PDB file of N, CA and C in Angstrom:
ATOM      1  N   MET A   1    -104.215  10.113-169.668  1.00  0.00           N
ATOM      2  CA  MET A   1    -103.190  10.652-168.698  1.00  0.00           C
ATOM      3  C   MET A   1    -104.175   9.792-167.355  1.00  0.00           C
ATOM      4  N   GLU A   2    -103.085   9.099-166.497  1.00  0.00           N
ATOM      5  CA  GLU A   2    -103.694   8.476-165.714  1.00  0.00           C
ATOM      6  C   GLU A   2    -103.710  10.047-164.353  1.00  0.00           C
ATOM      7  N   ASN A   3    -104.599   9.992-163.256  1.00  0.00           N
ATOM      8  CA  ASN A   3    -104.572  10.915-162.372  1.00  0.00           C
ATOM      9  C   ASN A   3    -103.319  10.776-161.498  1.00  0.00           C
ATOM     10  N   THR A   4    -102.354  11.541-161.076  1.00  0.00           N
ATOM     11  CA  THR A   4    -101.118  10.567-160.094  1.00  0.00           C
ATOM     12  C   THR A   4    -101.421  11.764-158.991  1.00  0.00           C
ATOM     13  N   GLY A   5    -102.033  12.270-158.858  1.00  0.00           N
ATOM     14  CA  GLY A   5    -102.361  12.691-157.431  1.00  0.00           C
ATOM     15  C   GLY A   5    -101.732  14.032-156.880  1.00  0.00           C
ATOM     16  N   LEU A   6    -100.212  13.959-157.628  1.00  0.00           N
ATOM     17  CA  LEU A   6     -99.292  14.791-157.806  1.00  0.00           C
ATOM     18  C   LEU A   6     -99.535  16.250-157.903  1.00  0.00           C
ATOM     19  N   SER A   7     -99.606  17.428-157.132  1.00  0.00           N
ATOM     20  CA  SER A   7     -99.235  18.715-157.293  1.00  0.00           C
ATOM     21  C   SER A   7     -98.454  19.178-159.010  1.00  0.00           C
ATOM     22  N   LYS A   8     -98.690  20.287-159.126  1.00  0.00           N
ATOM     23  CA  LYS A   8     -98.119  20.511-160.219  1.00  0.00           C
ATOM     24  C   LYS A   8     -96.846  21.478-159.422  1.00  0.00           C
ATOM     25  N   TYR A   9     -96.527  21.858-158.806  1.00  0.00           N
ATOM     26  CA  TYR A   9     -94.913  21.931-157.570  1.00  0.00           C
ATOM     27  C   TYR A   9     -94.069  20.380-157.662  1.00  0.00           C
ATOM     28  N   THR A  10     -95.102  19.522-157.428  1.00  0.00           N
ATOM     29  CA  THR A  10     -94.579  18.654-156.982  1.00  0.00           C
ATOM     30  C   THR A  10     -93.296  18.074-158.270  1.00  0.00           C
ATOM     31  N   ILE A  11     -94.531  18.305-159.549  1.00  0.00           N
ATOM     32  CA  ILE A  11     -93.597  17.734-160.647  1.00  0.00           C
ATOM     33  C   ILE A  11     -92.612  18.716-160.814  1.00  0.00           C
ATOM     34  N   ALA A  12     -93.160  20.738-161.082  1.00  0.00           N
ATOM     35  CA  ALA A  12     -92.549  21.271-161.680  1.00  0.00           C
ATOM     36  C   ALA A  12     -91.125  21.607-161.223  1.00  0.00           C
ATOM     37  N   PHE A  13     -90.840  20.775-159.603  1.00  0.00           N
ATOM     38  CA  PHE A  13     -89.971  21.107-159.046  1.00  0.00           C
ATOM     39  C   PHE A  13     -89.363  19.821-159.069  1.00  0.00           C
ATOM     40  N   GLY A  14     -89.834  18.776-159.372  1.00  0.00           N
ATOM     41  CA  GLY A  14     -89.360  17.322-159.732  1.00  0.00           C
ATOM     42  C   GLY A  14     -87.958  17.586-160.253  1.00  0.00           C
ATOM     43  N   LEU A  15     -88.946  17.970-161.684  1.00  0.00           N
ATOM     44  CA  LEU A  15     -88.361  18.107-163.119  1.00  0.00           C
ATOM     45  C   LEU A  15     -86.794  18.863-162.932  1.00  0.00           C
ATOM     46  N   SER A  16     -86.807  20.365-162.095  1.00  0.00           N
ATOM     47  CA  SER A  16     -86.163  21.619-161.996  1.00  0.00           C
ATOM     48  C   SER A  16     -84.943  20.439-160.965  1.00  0.00           C
ATOM     49  N   LEU A  17     -85.227  20.000-160.497  1.00  0.00           N
ATOM     50  CA  LEU A  17     -84.142  18.980-159.668  1.00  0.00           C
ATOM     51  C   LEU A  17     -83.260  18.249-160.813  1.00  0.00           C
ATOM     52  N   ALA A  18     -83.637  17.281-162.113  1.00  0.00           N
ATOM     53  CA  ALA A  18     -83.510  16.358-162.825  1.00  0.00           C
ATOM     54  C   ALA A  18     -82.672  18.227-163.700  1.00  0.00           C
ATOM     55  N   LEU A  19     -82.812  18.624-164.120  1.00  0.00           N
ATOM     56  CA  LEU A  19     -82.150  19.642-164.734  1.00  0.00           C
ATOM     57  C   LEU A  19     -81.394  20.130-163.944  1.00  0.00           C
ATOM     58  N   ALA A  20     -81.101  20.923-162.728  1.00  0.00           N
ATOM     59  CA  ALA A  20     -79.977  21.441-161.768  1.00  0.00           C
ATOM     60  C   ALA A  20     -79.211  20.167-161.628  1.00  0.00           C
ATOM     61  N   SER A  21     -79.864  19.085-161.782  1.00  0.00           N
ATOM     62  CA  SER A  21     -78.506  17.950-161.639  1.00  0.00           C
ATOM     63  C   SER A  21     -77.618  17.832-162.311  1.00  0.00           C
ATOM     64  N   VAL A  22     -78.184  18.304-163.698  1.00  0.00           N
ATOM     65  CA  VAL A  22     -77.475  17.727-164.857  1.00  0.00           C
ATOM     66  C   VAL A  22     -76.401  19.705-165.496  1.00  0.00           C
ATOM     67  N   ALA A  23     -77.115  20.740-164.956  1.00  0.00           N
ATOM     68  CA  ALA A  23     -76.651  21.448-165.096  1.00  0.00           C
ATOM     69  C   ALA A  23     -75.606  21.963-164.277  1.00  0.00           C
ATOM     70  N   ASN A  24     -74.980  21.353-162.658  1.00  0.00           N
ATOM     71  CA  ASN A  24     -74.359  21.491-161.645  1.00  0.00           C
ATOM     72  C   ASN A  24     -73.292  20.044-162.138  1.00  0.00           C
ATOM     73  N   GLY A  25     -73.578  19.308-162.916  1.00  0.00           N
ATOM     74  CA  GLY A  25     -72.455  18.577-163.333  1.00  0.00           C
ATOM     75  C   GLY A  25     -71.645  19.221-164.583  1.00  0.00           C
ATOM     76  N   LEU A  26     -72.334  20.220-165.203  1.00  0.00           N
ATOM     77  CA  LEU A  26     -71.504  20.654-166.223  1.00  0.00           C
ATOM     78  C   LEU A  26     -71.348  21.760-166.192  1.00  0.00           C
ATOM     79  N   LEU A  27     -71.303  22.495-165.286  1.00  0.00           N
ATOM     80  CA  LEU A  27     -71.034  23.833-164.382  1.00  0.00           C
ATOM     81  C   LEU A  27     -69.371  23.764-163.916  1.00  0.00           C
ATOM     82  N   VAL A  28     -69.237  22.629-163.297  1.00  0.00           N
ATOM     83  CA  VAL A  28     -68.270  21.457-162.725  1.00  0.00           C
ATOM     84  C   VAL A  28     -67.134  21.737-163.497  1.00  0.00           C
ATOM     85  N   ILE A  29     -67.557  21.222-164.977  1.00  0.00           N
ATOM     86  CA  ILE A  29     -66.290  20.704-165.731  1.00  0.00           C
ATOM     87  C   ILE A  29     -66.233  21.870-166.046  1.00  0.00           C
ATOM     88  N   VAL A  30     -67.063  22.927-166.582  1.00  0.00           N
ATOM     89  CA  VAL A  30     -67.059  24.021-167.016  1.00  0.00           C
ATOM     90  C   VAL A  30     -65.657  25.235-166.367  1.00  0.00           C
ATOM     91  N   LYS A  31     -66.475  24.646-164.767  1.00  0.00           N
ATOM     92  CA  LYS A  31     -65.150  25.890-164.348  1.00  0.00           C
ATOM     93  C   LYS A  31     -63.845  24.840-163.663  1.00  0.00           C
ATOM     94  N   GLU A  32     -63.992  24.240-163.687  1.00  0.00           N
ATOM     95  CA  GLU A  32     -62.873  23.409-163.431  1.00  0.00           C
ATOM     96  C   GLU A  32     -61.930  23.425-164.475  1.00  0.00           C
ATOM     97  N   SER A  33     -62.573  23.467-166.059  1.00  0.00           N
ATOM     98  CA  SER A  33     -61.416  23.353-167.064  1.00  0.00           C
ATOM     99  C   SER A  33     -61.116  24.497-166.855  1.00  0.00           C
ATOM    100  N   SER A  34     -61.642  25.056-167.375  1.00  0.00           N
ATOM    101  CA  SER A  34     -61.883  27.241-167.167  1.00  0.00           C
ATOM    102  C   SER A  34     -61.234  27.725-165.844  1.00  0.00           C
ATOM    103  N   PRO A  35     -59.959  28.327-166.351  1.00  0.00           N
ATOM    104  CA  PRO A  35     -59.408  29.106-164.555  1.00  0.00           C
ATOM    105  C   PRO A  35     -60.169  30.612-164.847  1.00  0.00           C
ATOM    106  N   ALA A  36     -60.436  31.248-165.907  1.00  0.00           N
ATOM    107  CA  ALA A  36     -60.990  32.437-166.447  1.00  0.00           C
ATOM    108  C   ALA A  36     -62.372  32.106-165.419  1.00  0.00           C
ATOM    109  N   VAL A  37     -63.065  31.097-165.950  1.00  0.00           N
ATOM    110  CA  VAL A  37     -64.826  30.784-164.964  1.00  0.00           C
ATOM    111  C   VAL A  37     -64.070  30.725-164.004  1.00  0.00           C
ATOM    112  N   GLN A  38     -63.805  30.478-163.902  1.00  0.00           N
ATOM    113  CA  GLN A  38     -63.457  30.165-162.063  1.00  0.00           C
ATOM    114  C   GLN A  38     -63.152  31.535-161.319  1.00  0.00           C
ATOM    115  N   ALA A  39     -62.237  32.067-161.855  1.00  0.00           N
ATOM    116  CA  ALA A  39     -61.720  33.355-161.143  1.00  0.00           C
ATOM    117  C   ALA A  39     -62.719  34.142-161.414  1.00  0.00           C
ATOM    118  N   GLY A  40     -64.030  34.472-162.345  1.00  0.00           N
ATOM    119  CA  GLY A  40     -64.315  35.362-162.655  1.00  0.00           C
ATOM    120  C   GLY A  40     -65.847  34.610-161.265  1.00  0.00           C
ATOM    121  N   MET A  41     -66.090  33.747-161.390  1.00  0.00           N
ATOM    122  CA  MET A  41     -66.903  33.165-160.370  1.00  0.00           C
ATOM    123  C   MET A  41     -66.640  33.439-158.885  1.00  0.00           C
ATOM    124  N   GLN A  42     -65.105  33.601-159.026  1.00  0.00           N
ATOM    125  CA  GLN A  42     -64.855  33.653-157.434  1.00  0.00           C
ATOM    126  C   GLN A  42     -64.624  35.448-157.279  1.00  0.00           C
ATOM    127  N   LYS A  43     -65.111  35.739-158.454  1.00  0.00           N
ATOM    128  CA  LYS A  43     -64.723  37.471-158.367  1.00  0.00           C
ATOM    129  C   LYS A  43     -66.275  37.813-157.173  1.00  0.00           C
ATOM    130  N   LEU A  44     -67.436  36.959-158.089  1.00  0.00           N
ATOM    131  CA  LEU A  44     -68.813  37.332-157.926  1.00  0.00           C
ATOM    132  C   LEU A  44     -68.517  37.107-156.497  1.00  0.00           C
ATOM    133  N   THR A  45     -68.596  36.313-155.489  1.00  0.00           N
ATOM    134  CA  THR A  45     -69.550  36.563-154.632  1.00  0.00           C
ATOM    135  C   THR A  45     -67.876  35.920-153.243  1.00  0.00           C
ATOM    136  N   GLY A  46     -66.541  35.719-154.026  1.00  0.00           N
ATOM    137  CA  GLY A  46     -65.625  35.887-152.564  1.00  0.00           C
ATOM    138  C   GLY A  46     -65.143  34.196-153.472  1.00  0.00           C
ATOM    139  N   HIS A  47     -66.102  33.274-153.283  1.00  0.00           N
ATOM    140  CA  HIS A  47     -65.879  31.696-153.545  1.00  0.00           C
ATOM    141  C   HIS A  47     -66.088  31.540-154.629  1.00  0.00           C
ATOM    142  N   HIS A  48     -65.977  30.931-155.757  1.00  0.00           N
ATOM    143  CA  HIS A  48     -66.450  30.387-157.087  1.00  0.00           C
ATOM    144  C   HIS A  48     -67.146  28.555-156.617  1.00  0.00           C
ATOM    145  N   TRP A  49     -67.073  28.411-155.531  1.00  0.00           N
ATOM    146  CA  TRP A  49     -68.406  27.168-154.637  1.00  0.00           C
ATOM    147  C   TRP A  49     -69.618  28.343-154.317  1.00  0.00           C
ATOM    148  N   ILE A  50     -69.526  29.448-153.819  1.00  0.00           N
ATOM    149  CA  ILE A  50     -70.409  29.917-153.115  1.00  0.00           C
ATOM    150  C   ILE A  50     -71.078  30.728-154.701  1.00  0.00           C
ATOM    151  N   THR A  51     -70.524  30.591-155.748  1.00  0.00           N
ATOM    152  CA  THR A  51     -71.101  31.729-156.903  1.00  0.00           C
ATOM    153  C   THR A  51     -72.149  30.497-157.260  1.00  0.00           C
ATOM    154  N   HIS A  52     -70.766  29.062-157.649  1.00  0.00           N
ATOM    155  CA  HIS A  52     -71.479  28.483-158.782  1.00  0.00           C
ATOM    156  C   HIS A  52     -72.984  27.457-157.658  1.00  0.00           C
ATOM    157  N   SER A  53     -72.955  27.343-155.831  1.00  0.00           N
ATOM    158  CA  SER A  53     -74.060  27.094-155.661  1.00  0.00           C
ATOM    159  C   SER A  53     -75.359  28.086-156.106  1.00  0.00           C
ATOM    160  N   VAL A  54     -75.019  29.560-156.215  1.00  0.00           N
ATOM    161  CA  VAL A  54     -75.622  30.766-155.709  1.00  0.00           C
ATOM    162  C   VAL A  54     -76.640  29.776-157.525  1.00  0.00           C
ATOM    163  N   VAL A  55     -75.617  29.774-158.274  1.00  0.00           N
ATOM    164  CA  VAL A  55     -76.103  29.303-159.764  1.00  0.00           C
ATOM    165  C   VAL A  55     -77.154  28.435-160.045  1.00  0.00           C
ATOM    166  N   ILE A  56     -76.864  27.329-159.064  1.00  0.00           N
ATOM    167  CA  ILE A  56     -77.614  25.890-159.817  1.00  0.00           C
ATOM    168  C   ILE A  56     -78.613  26.712-158.605  1.00  0.00           C
ATOM    169  N   LEU A  57     -78.658  26.945-157.661  1.00  0.00           N
ATOM    170  CA  LEU A  57     -79.933  27.379-156.232  1.00  0.00           C
ATOM    171  C   LEU A  57     -81.003  28.012-157.281  1.00  0.00           C
ATOM    172  N   ALA A  58     -80.729  29.065-158.355  1.00  0.00           N
ATOM    173  CA  ALA A  58     -81.306  30.157-158.797  1.00  0.00           C
ATOM    174  C   ALA A  58     -82.222  29.575-160.018  1.00  0.00           C
ATOM    175  N   LEU A  59     -81.179  28.715-160.888  1.00  0.00           N
ATOM    176  CA  LEU A  59     -81.698  27.308-161.820  1.00  0.00           C
ATOM    177  C   LEU A  59     -82.798  26.633-161.702  1.00  0.00           C
ATOM    178  N   PHE A  60     -82.947  25.877-160.232  1.00  0.00           N
ATOM    179  CA  PHE A  60     -84.044  25.019-159.673  1.00  0.00           C
ATOM    180  C   PHE A  60     -85.133  25.505-158.920  1.00  0.00           C
ATOM    181  N   LEU A  61     -85.009  26.871-158.542  1.00  0.00           N
ATOM    182  CA  LEU A  61     -85.740  27.974-158.326  1.00  0.00           C
ATOM    183  C   LEU A  61     -86.739  28.283-159.366  1.00  0.00           C
ATOM    184  N   SER A  62     -86.471  29.088-159.717  1.00  0.00           N
ATOM    185  CA  SER A  62     -87.207  29.213-161.097  1.00  0.00           C
ATOM    186  C   SER A  62     -87.089  28.361-162.657  1.00  0.00           C
ATOM    187  N   GLY A  63     -86.254  26.636-163.034  1.00  0.00           N
ATOM    188  CA  GLY A  63     -87.008  26.291-163.407  1.00  0.00           C
ATOM    189  C   GLY A  63     -88.097  25.697-162.313  1.00  0.00           C
ATOM    190  N   GLY A  64     -88.309  25.252-161.140  1.00  0.00           N
ATOM    191  CA  GLY A  64     -89.509  25.089-161.050  1.00  0.00           C
ATOM    192  C   GLY A  64     -90.686  25.774-160.772  1.00  0.00           C
ATOM    193  N   TRP A  65     -90.766  27.669-160.882  1.00  0.00           N
ATOM    194  CA  TRP A  65     -91.501  27.806-161.263  1.00  0.00           C
ATOM    195  C   TRP A  65     -92.102  28.470-162.862  1.00  0.00           C
ATOM    196  N   LEU A  66     -90.956  28.125-163.352  1.00  0.00           N
ATOM    197  CA  LEU A  66     -91.632  27.797-165.041  1.00  0.00           C
ATOM    198  C   LEU A  66     -92.063  26.622-165.372  1.00  0.00           C
ATOM    199  N   PHE A  67     -91.865  25.486-165.250  1.00  0.00           N
ATOM    200  CA  PHE A  67     -92.280  23.989-165.234  1.00  0.00           C
ATOM    201  C   PHE A  67     -93.603  24.328-164.552  1.00  0.00           C
ATOM    202  N   ALA A  68     -93.816  24.832-163.354  1.00  0.00           N
ATOM    203  CA  ALA A  68     -95.265  25.277-162.966  1.00  0.00           C
ATOM    204  C   ALA A  68     -95.971  25.966-163.352  1.00  0.00           C
ATOM    205  N   GLN A  69     -95.592  26.760-164.449  1.00  0.00           N
ATOM    206  CA  GLN A  69     -96.432  27.530-164.860  1.00  0.00           C
ATOM    207  C   GLN A  69     -97.026  27.334-166.479  1.00  0.00           C
ATOM    208  N   MET A  70     -96.098  26.127-166.834  1.00  0.00           N
ATOM    209  CA  MET A  70     -96.758  25.915-168.379  1.00  0.00           C
ATOM    210  C   MET A  70     -97.809  25.122-168.657  1.00  0.00           C
ATOM    211  N   ASN A  71     -98.620  24.722-169.536  1.00  0.00           N
ATOM    212  CA  ASN A  71     -99.837  25.036-170.156  1.00  0.00           C
ATOM    213  C   ASN A  71    -100.525  25.652-169.113  1.00  0.00           C
ATOM    214  N   GLY A  72    -100.382  26.753-169.609  1.00  0.00           N
ATOM    215  CA  GLY A  72    -101.722  27.711-169.056  1.00  0.00           C
ATOM    216  C   GLY A  72    -101.951  28.160-167.490  1.00  0.00           C
ATOM    217  N   GLY A  73    -100.448  27.630-166.616  1.00  0.00           N
ATOM    218  CA  GLY A  73    -100.218  27.911-165.224  1.00  0.00           C
ATOM    219  C   GLY A  73    -101.030  26.904-164.961  1.00  0.00           C
ATOM    220  N   GLN A  74    -101.408  25.761-165.621  1.00  0.00           N
ATOM    221  CA  GLN A  74    -101.412  24.216-164.885  1.00  0.00           C
ATOM    222  C   GLN A  74    -100.315  23.300-164.747  1.00  0.00           C
ATOM    223  N   GLY A  75     -98.875  24.116-165.226  1.00  0.00           N
ATOM    224  CA  GLY A  75     -97.839  22.830-165.016  1.00  0.00           C
ATOM    225  C   GLY A  75     -97.893  21.690-166.038  1.00  0.00           C
ATOM    226  N   VAL A  76     -96.858  21.246-166.165  1.00  0.00           N
ATOM    227  CA  VAL A  76     -96.408  19.843-166.638  1.00  0.00           C
ATOM    228  C   VAL A  76     -97.029  19.149-166.110  1.00  0.00           C
ATOM    229  N   ARG A  77     -97.643  17.975-166.786  1.00  0.00           N
ATOM    230  CA  ARG A  77     -98.439  16.885-166.410  1.00  0.00           C
ATOM    231  C   ARG A  77     -97.525  15.732-167.011  1.00  0.00           C
ATOM    232  N   LEU A  78     -97.249  15.014-165.525  1.00  0.00           N
ATOM    233  CA  LEU A  78     -96.084  13.386-165.715  1.00  0.00           C
ATOM    234  C   LEU A  78     -96.897  12.806-164.455  1.00  0.00           C
ATOM    235  N   THR A  79     -96.893  11.485-165.087  1.00  0.00           N
ATOM    236  CA  THR A  79     -97.329  10.667-164.202  1.00  0.00           C
ATOM    237  C   THR A  79     -96.186  10.355-162.870  1.00  0.00           C
ATOM    238  N   ALA A  80     -96.737   9.685-161.784  1.00  0.00           N
ATOM    239  CA  ALA A  80     -95.628   9.531-160.570  1.00  0.00           C
ATOM    240  C   ALA A  80     -94.311   8.645-161.163  1.00  0.00           C
ATOM    241  N   GLY A  81     -94.503   7.984-161.662  1.00  0.00           N
ATOM    242  CA  GLY A  81     -93.541   6.741-162.762  1.00  0.00           C
ATOM    243  C   GLY A  81     -92.293   7.231-162.946  1.00  0.00           C
ATOM    244  N   ARG A  82     -93.221   8.300-164.254  1.00  0.00           N
ATOM    245  CA  ARG A  82     -92.032   9.233-165.146  1.00  0.00           C
ATOM    246  C   ARG A  82     -91.297  10.294-164.991  1.00  0.00           C
ATOM    247  N   LEU A  83     -92.156  11.057-163.752  1.00  0.00           N
ATOM    248  CA  LEU A  83     -91.223  11.901-162.959  1.00  0.00           C
ATOM    249  C   LEU A  83     -89.924  10.983-161.681  1.00  0.00           C
ATOM    250  N   ILE A  84     -90.505  10.380-161.356  1.00  0.00           N
ATOM    251  CA  ILE A  84     -89.354   9.823-160.691  1.00  0.00           C
ATOM    252  C   ILE A  84     -88.244   8.844-161.646  1.00  0.00           C
ATOM    253  N   ASN A  85     -88.381   8.306-162.473  1.00  0.00           N
ATOM    254  CA  ASN A  85     -87.672   8.044-164.104  1.00  0.00           C
ATOM    255  C   ASN A  85     -86.573   9.440-164.187  1.00  0.00           C
ATOM    256  N   THR A  86     -87.203  10.560-164.734  1.00  0.00           N
ATOM    257  CA  THR A  86     -86.972  11.582-164.442  1.00  0.00           C
ATOM    258  C   THR A  86     -86.076  12.061-163.943  1.00  0.00           C
ATOM    259  N   VAL A  87     -86.240  12.154-162.726  1.00  0.00           N
ATOM    260  CA  VAL A  87     -85.121  12.574-161.517  1.00  0.00           C
ATOM    261  C   VAL A  87     -84.336  11.755-161.399  1.00  0.00           C
ATOM    262  N   VAL A  88     -84.497  10.300-161.180  1.00  0.00           N
ATOM    263  CA  VAL A  88     -83.346   9.445-160.957  1.00  0.00           C
ATOM    264  C   VAL A  88     -82.773   9.556-162.300  1.00  0.00           C
ATOM    265  N   ARG A  89     -82.901   9.491-163.155  1.00  0.00           N
ATOM    266  CA  ARG A  89     -81.930  10.219-164.529  1.00  0.00           C
ATOM    267  C   ARG A  89     -81.138  11.383-164.473  1.00  0.00           C
ATOM    268  N   GLY A  90     -81.476  12.126-164.398  1.00  0.00           N
ATOM    269  CA  GLY A  90     -80.947  13.774-164.330  1.00  0.00           C
ATOM    270  C   GLY A  90     -80.194  13.969-163.052  1.00  0.00           C
ATOM    271  N   VAL A  91     -80.469  12.902-162.052  1.00  0.00           N
ATOM    272  CA  VAL A  91     -78.787  13.074-160.997  1.00  0.00           C
ATOM    273  C   VAL A  91     -78.050  11.687-161.136  1.00  0.00           C
ATOM    274  N   ILE A  92     -78.698  10.911-161.394  1.00  0.00           N
ATOM    275  CA  ILE A  92     -77.057   9.873-162.444  1.00  0.00           C
ATOM    276  C   ILE A  92     -76.518  10.227-163.392  1.00  0.00           C
ATOM    277  N   LEU A  93     -76.900  11.454-164.060  1.00  0.00           N
ATOM    278  CA  LEU A  93     -76.326  11.645-165.392  1.00  0.00           C
ATOM    279  C   LEU A  93     -75.060  13.159-164.500  1.00  0.00           C
ATOM    280  N   GLY A  94     -75.874  13.162-163.845  1.00  0.00           N
ATOM    281  CA  GLY A  94     -75.724  14.367-163.578  1.00  0.00           C
ATOM    282  C   GLY A  94     -74.067  14.247-162.408  1.00  0.00           C
ATOM    283  N   GLY A  95     -74.454  13.185-161.650  1.00  0.00           N
ATOM    284  CA  GLY A  95     -73.360  12.654-160.447  1.00  0.00           C
ATOM    285  C   GLY A  95     -72.375  12.043-161.575  1.00  0.00           C
ATOM    286  N   LEU A  96     -72.299  11.255-162.533  1.00  0.00           N
ATOM    287  CA  LEU A  96     -72.077  10.839-163.831  1.00  0.00           C
ATOM    288  C   LEU A  96     -70.715  11.633-164.824  1.00  0.00           C
ATOM    289  N   LEU A  97     -71.302  12.543-164.626  1.00  0.00           N
ATOM    290  CA  LEU A  97     -70.700  14.101-165.547  1.00  0.00           C
ATOM    291  C   LEU A  97     -69.287  14.343-164.396  1.00  0.00           C
ATOM    292  N   ILE A  98     -69.848  14.882-163.002  1.00  0.00           N
ATOM    293  CA  ILE A  98     -68.255  15.135-162.344  1.00  0.00           C
ATOM    294  C   ILE A  98     -67.703  13.936-162.166  1.00  0.00           C
ATOM    295  N   VAL A  99     -67.898  12.587-162.117  1.00  0.00           N
ATOM    296  CA  VAL A  99     -67.180  11.409-161.545  1.00  0.00           C
ATOM    297  C   VAL A  99     -66.342  11.057-163.091  1.00  0.00           C
ATOM    298  N   GLY A 100     -67.127  11.195-163.910  1.00  0.00           N
ATOM    299  CA  GLY A 100     -66.209  10.892-165.283  1.00  0.00           C
ATOM    300  C   GLY A 100     -65.018  12.261-165.510  1.00  0.00           C
ATOM    301  N   PHE A 101     -65.718  13.832-165.588  1.00  0.00           N
ATOM    302  CA  PHE A 101     -64.985  14.472-165.282  1.00  0.00           C
ATOM    303  C   PHE A 101     -63.273  14.396-164.546  1.00  0.00           C
ATOM    304  N   TYR A 102     -63.452  14.157-163.554  1.00  0.00           N
ATOM    305  CA  TYR A 102     -62.408  13.877-162.399  1.00  0.00           C
ATOM    306  C   TYR A 102     -61.880  12.393-162.607  1.00  0.00           C
ATOM    307  N   LEU A 103     -62.575  11.307-163.258  1.00  0.00           N
ATOM    308  CA  LEU A 103     -61.226  10.543-163.443  1.00  0.00           C
ATOM    309  C   LEU A 103     -60.203  10.334-164.649  1.00  0.00           C
ATOM    310  N   LEU A 104     -61.385  11.165-165.483  1.00  0.00           N
ATOM    311  CA  LEU A 104     -60.850  11.307-166.980  1.00  0.00           C
ATOM    312  C   LEU A 104     -59.741  12.494-167.131  1.00  0.00           C
ATOM    313  N   GLY A 105     -60.168  13.053-166.540  1.00  0.00           N
ATOM    314  CA  GLY A 105     -59.457  14.738-166.347  1.00  0.00           C
ATOM    315  C   GLY A 105     -58.350  14.990-165.708  1.00  0.00           C
ATOM    316  N   ASP A 106     -58.018  14.313-164.464  1.00  0.00           N
ATOM    317  CA  ASP A 106     -57.084  14.524-163.653  1.00  0.00           C
ATOM    318  C   ASP A 106     -56.310  13.262-164.353  1.00  0.00           C
TER     319      ASP A 106
END
């Protein structure tokens, strides 16, 4: 394993970004497909998009913290190239989920 020079938090929150991006796409699909879910989310904060944002932000922050605690507190170990690849793929997949849903669902 090469020494990437990336901190455990850079890697952890990069992975969390990829995870949150995919979860964001899935939450859009679930929320827009189910009026009951959307109504429940609206009741929580007054608007479903506010609840959506809070959920994804909480997932991002907790995911980053959890990834940083792995390996006995040393965090996940990845090369810079692998981290970039993972982040890009996660963001693209999250975007494709949303675009695909609206193209096929509407």
